[in-house]
Each structure stands twice: as structure tokens, then as C-alpha cells.
């Protein structure tokens, strides 16, 4: 699931670069937040997704830091667009 989601996020750069609009930013933002939450839940021991806690690796933490940074950037873009400071 994370591999497919990661591949989707790599291709998500197209709507971001081409500035397809607020709806597309929101979809990307929502999907990224969902993957962050699933990753966190799947690392908790005896969780309801896998029934066991997953391993937390340095690469996993680094990936999640970049995911959170992406969420911050998209929120900033949406706020700046709403204020009229960024072209749509």
C-alpha cells in the first residue's frame, strides 16, 4: 500500500507544478495526511490495522518529515492563494 501511495505521490508533482487548482491541492493534501496517519497507526504495537507494531527506521522517519513538510507547503500555498498573493 505504501509503495503504491508513494508512486502516486511522485506523480502528484504534475498538478502542483501545472497549478491545476485548489481542488487538486486539497486532494493531494488529504491523501498525504491519510498516509501519515496510517504510517503512525501501523507503528503502534497491537494496532487495529496489522495487529503488531511496525519497525521505525531512519528512512521511515525521514520520509515522514518530508511528508509533513509537503503538507505545510500545500497549506501555505492554499493560504497565499486565498489571500490573492499567489496566482492561480
Protein backbone atom coordinates (compact mmCIF):
# COMPACT_ATOMS: atom_id res chain seq x y z
CA UNK A 1 0.00 0.00 0.00
CA UNK A 2 2.77 2.45 0.89
CA UNK A 3 4.64 1.67 -2.34
CA UNK A 4 1.57 2.41 -4.47
CA UNK A 5 0.82 5.53 -2.45
CA UNK A 6 4.43 6.69 -2.77
CA UNK A 7 4.37 6.21 -6.54
CA UNK A 8 1.13 8.19 -6.71
CA UNK A 9 2.71 10.98 -4.71
CA UNK A 10 5.69 11.12 -7.06
CA UNK A 11 3.32 11.69 -9.99
CA UNK A 12 1.40 14.22 -7.89
CA UNK A 13 4.06 16.79 -8.82
CA UNK A 14 2.28 17.36 -12.17
CA UNK A 15 -0.86 19.03 -10.70
CA UNK A 16 1.34 21.01 -8.30
CA UNK A 17 3.71 22.35 -10.97
CA UNK A 18 0.97 22.99 -13.52
CA UNK A 19 -1.14 24.76 -10.85
CA UNK A 20 -4.33 22.80 -11.59
CA UNK A 21 -6.11 24.48 -8.70
CA UNK A 22 -7.32 24.33 -5.15
CA UNK A 23 -9.31 21.11 -5.54
CA UNK A 24 -6.24 19.20 -6.71
CA UNK A 25 -4.14 20.67 -3.91
CA UNK A 26 -6.78 19.57 -1.43
CA UNK A 27 -6.88 16.02 -2.80
CA UNK A 28 -3.09 15.76 -2.57
CA UNK A 29 -3.13 17.24 0.91
CA UNK A 30 -5.84 14.85 2.10
CA UNK A 31 -4.10 11.80 0.64
CA UNK A 32 -0.80 12.74 2.22
CA UNK A 33 -2.38 13.30 5.63
CA UNK A 34 -4.11 9.92 5.39
CA UNK A 35 -0.81 8.19 4.61
CA UNK A 36 0.90 9.93 7.54
CA UNK A 37 -1.85 8.80 9.91
CA UNK A 38 -1.78 5.22 8.58
CA UNK A 39 2.03 5.12 8.96
CA UNK A 40 1.79 6.35 12.56
CA UNK A 41 -1.01 3.92 13.47
CA UNK A 42 0.80 0.99 11.86
CA UNK A 43 3.84 1.65 14.10
CA UNK A 44 1.86 1.37 17.35
CA UNK A 45 2.12 -2.07 19.00
CA UNK A 46 -1.11 -4.13 18.83
CA UNK A 47 -2.74 -1.68 16.42
CA UNK A 48 -6.02 -2.45 14.66
CA UNK A 49 -4.51 -2.40 11.15
CA UNK A 50 -1.82 -5.06 11.41
CA UNK A 51 -2.16 -6.27 14.99
CA UNK A 52 1.52 -5.59 15.63
CA UNK A 53 3.83 -2.61 15.69
CA UNK A 54 5.95 -1.94 12.65
CA UNK A 55 9.63 -1.11 12.70
CA UNK A 56 10.56 2.58 12.80
CA UNK A 57 13.61 3.13 10.63
CA UNK A 58 15.66 6.25 9.96
CA UNK A 59 14.45 6.24 6.34
CA UNK A 60 10.85 5.98 7.51
CA UNK A 61 11.24 8.94 9.83
CA UNK A 62 12.97 10.96 7.09
CA UNK A 63 10.15 10.15 4.68
CA UNK A 64 7.52 11.26 7.19
CA UNK A 65 9.41 14.51 7.83
CA UNK A 66 9.26 15.24 4.10
CA UNK A 67 5.57 14.29 4.06
CA UNK A 68 4.87 16.74 6.87
CA UNK A 69 6.90 19.43 5.07
CA UNK A 70 4.79 18.81 1.94
CA UNK A 71 1.61 19.25 3.99
CA UNK A 72 2.98 22.54 5.34
CA UNK A 73 3.90 23.78 1.86
CA UNK A 74 0.49 22.93 0.42
CA UNK A 75 -1.29 24.64 3.31
CA UNK A 76 0.92 27.71 2.77
CA UNK A 77 0.10 27.71 -0.95
CA UNK A 78 -3.63 27.44 -0.24
CA UNK A 79 -3.49 30.29 2.31
CA UNK A 80 -1.47 32.51 -0.05
CA UNK A 81 -3.86 31.73 -2.93
CA UNK A 82 -6.85 32.58 -0.78
CA UNK A 83 -5.27 35.92 0.14
CA UNK A 84 -4.56 36.62 -3.52
CA UNK A 85 -0.78 36.63 -3.10
CA UNK A 86 -0.20 33.72 -5.48
CA UNK A 87 -1.58 33.39 -9.00
CA UNK A 88 -3.95 30.51 -9.56
